C-alpha atoms as a PDB file:
ATOM      1  CA  MET A   1      87.925  90.843 112.223  1.00  0.00           C
ATOM      2  CA  THR A   2      87.082  89.850 115.991  1.00  0.00           C
ATOM      3  CA  ASN A   3      87.371  86.153 115.410  1.00  0.00           C
ATOM      4  CA  LEU A   4      91.497  86.622 113.801  1.00  0.00           C
ATOM      5  CA  PRO A   5      93.962  83.615 114.673  1.00  0.00           C
ATOM      6  CA  LYS A   6      97.134  85.393 117.499  1.00  0.00           C
ATOM      7  CA  TYR A   7     100.402  84.652 116.164  1.00  0.00           C
ATOM      8  CA  SER A   8     103.713  84.488 117.946  1.00  0.00           C
ATOM      9  CA  TRP A   9     106.130  86.796 116.557  1.00  0.00           C
ATOM     10  CA  ASP A  10     107.861  83.586 115.057  1.00  0.00           C
ATOM     11  CA  GLN A  11     105.078  82.355 113.422  1.00  0.00           C
ATOM     12  CA  ALA A  12     104.095  85.507 111.443  1.00  0.00           C
ATOM     13  CA  THR A  13     108.083  85.860 110.788  1.00  0.00           C
ATOM     14  CA  ILE A  14     107.664  82.025 109.496  1.00  0.00           C
ATOM     15  CA  LEU A  15     104.419  82.915 107.473  1.00  0.00           C
ATOM     16  CA  ARG A  16     105.590  86.413 106.023  1.00  0.00           C
ATOM     17  CA  LEU A  17     102.925  88.451 108.344  1.00  0.00           C
ATOM     18  CA  ALA A  18     103.572  91.927 109.038  1.00  0.00           C
ATOM     19  CA  THR A  19     101.947  94.548 110.919  1.00  0.00           C
ATOM     20  CA  ALA A  20     100.540  97.931 109.199  1.00  0.00           C
ATOM     21  CA  ASN A  21     103.734  99.406 111.233  1.00  0.00           C
ATOM     22  CA  GLY A  22     106.249  96.789 110.315  1.00  0.00           C
ATOM     23  CA  PHE A  23     105.475  98.066 106.292  1.00  0.00           C
ATOM     24  CA  ARG A  24     107.783 101.328 107.254  1.00  0.00           C
ATOM     25  CA  ALA A  25     110.728  98.981 106.361  1.00  0.00           C
ATOM     26  CA  VAL A  26     109.404  98.977 103.221  1.00  0.00           C
ATOM     27  CA  GLY A  27     108.423 102.536 102.564  1.00  0.00           C
ATOM     28  CA  ILE A  28     105.031 101.862 102.662  1.00  0.00           C
ATOM     29  CA  ASN A  29     102.892 104.419 105.817  1.00  0.00           C
ATOM     30  CA  PRO A  30     100.634 102.444 107.928  1.00  0.00           C
ATOM     31  CA  GLY A  31      98.231 104.672 107.239  1.00  0.00           C
ATOM     32  CA  THR A  32      98.026 103.850 103.617  1.00  0.00           C
ATOM     33  CA  ILE A  33      97.693  99.975 104.465  1.00  0.00           C
ATOM     34  CA  ARG A  34      94.834 101.069 106.616  1.00  0.00           C
ATOM     35  CA  SER A  35      93.357 102.801 104.093  1.00  0.00           C
ATOM     36  CA  TRP A  36      93.279  99.937 101.693  1.00  0.00           C
ATOM     37  CA  VAL A  37      91.646  97.996 104.137  1.00  0.00           C
ATOM     38  CA  ASN A  38      88.958 100.434 104.852  1.00  0.00           C
ATOM     39  CA  ARG A  39      88.267  99.792 100.359  1.00  0.00           C
ATOM     40  CA  GLY A  40      88.604  96.642 100.622  1.00  0.00           C
ATOM     41  CA  ALA A  41      91.873  96.103  98.947  1.00  0.00           C
ATOM     42  CA  PHE A  42      92.396  92.684 101.360  1.00  0.00           C
ATOM     43  CA  ARG A  43      92.231  91.862 105.115  1.00  0.00           C
ATOM     44  CA  PRO A  44      94.304  91.478 108.329  1.00  0.00           C
ATOM     45  CA  VAL A  45      94.793  87.530 108.315  1.00  0.00           C
ATOM     46  CA  GLY A  46      95.660  87.556 111.998  1.00  0.00           C
ATOM     47  CA  LYS A  47      96.495  88.831 115.333  1.00  0.00           C
ATOM     48  CA  ALA A  48     100.536  90.021 116.607  1.00  0.00           C
ATOM     49  CA  PRO A  49     101.115  89.586 120.401  1.00  0.00           C
ATOM     50  CA  GLY A  50      99.686  92.729 122.076  1.00  0.00           C
ATOM     51  CA  GLY A  51      96.775  92.894 119.374  1.00  0.00           C
ATOM     52  CA  ALA A  52      98.144  94.562 116.460  1.00  0.00           C
ATOM     53  CA  HIS A  53      96.121  93.111 112.846  1.00  0.00           C
ATOM     54  CA  LEU A  54      98.767  90.885 110.751  1.00  0.00           C
ATOM     55  CA  TYR A  55      99.094  91.227 106.953  1.00  0.00           C
ATOM     56  CA  HIS A  56     100.364  88.865 104.232  1.00  0.00           C
ATOM     57  CA  TYR A  57     103.353  90.780 103.192  1.00  0.00           C
ATOM     58  CA  ASP A  58     103.347  89.648  99.479  1.00  0.00           C
ATOM     59  CA  GLU A  59      99.888  90.964  99.354  1.00  0.00           C
ATOM     60  CA  VAL A  60     100.386  94.636 100.910  1.00  0.00           C
ATOM     61  CA  VAL A  61     103.633  95.124  98.627  1.00  0.00           C
ATOM     62  CA  ASP A  62     101.758  93.366  95.546  1.00  0.00           C
ATOM     63  CA  HIS A  63      98.777  95.693  95.911  1.00  0.00           C
ATOM     64  CA  ALA A  64     101.389  99.137  96.407  1.00  0.00           C
ATOM     65  CA  GLU A  65     103.182  98.191  93.209  1.00  0.00           C
ATOM     66  CA  ARG A  66      99.901  97.574  90.808  1.00  0.00           C
ATOM     67  CA  ASN A  67      99.147 100.933  92.965  1.00  0.00           C
ATOM     68  CA  GLN A  68     101.526 103.314  92.315  1.00  0.00           C
ATOM     69  CA  PRO A  69     101.245 107.005  91.290  1.00  0.00           C
END
């Protein structure tokens, strides 16, 4: 994961990428994102300005919807 491409915020928006913190807006806790990544559900696809990992929005939300309690 150390060789992830770096994106500007504009690029991330166009590509529908978000940080773990960004998913708070749709009710997904950043810790939940990290635990899913640790379990191998999906992987970060890039780095945001400042170094935070970026994830595909649709991939994360689809996973969340499939794994609701």
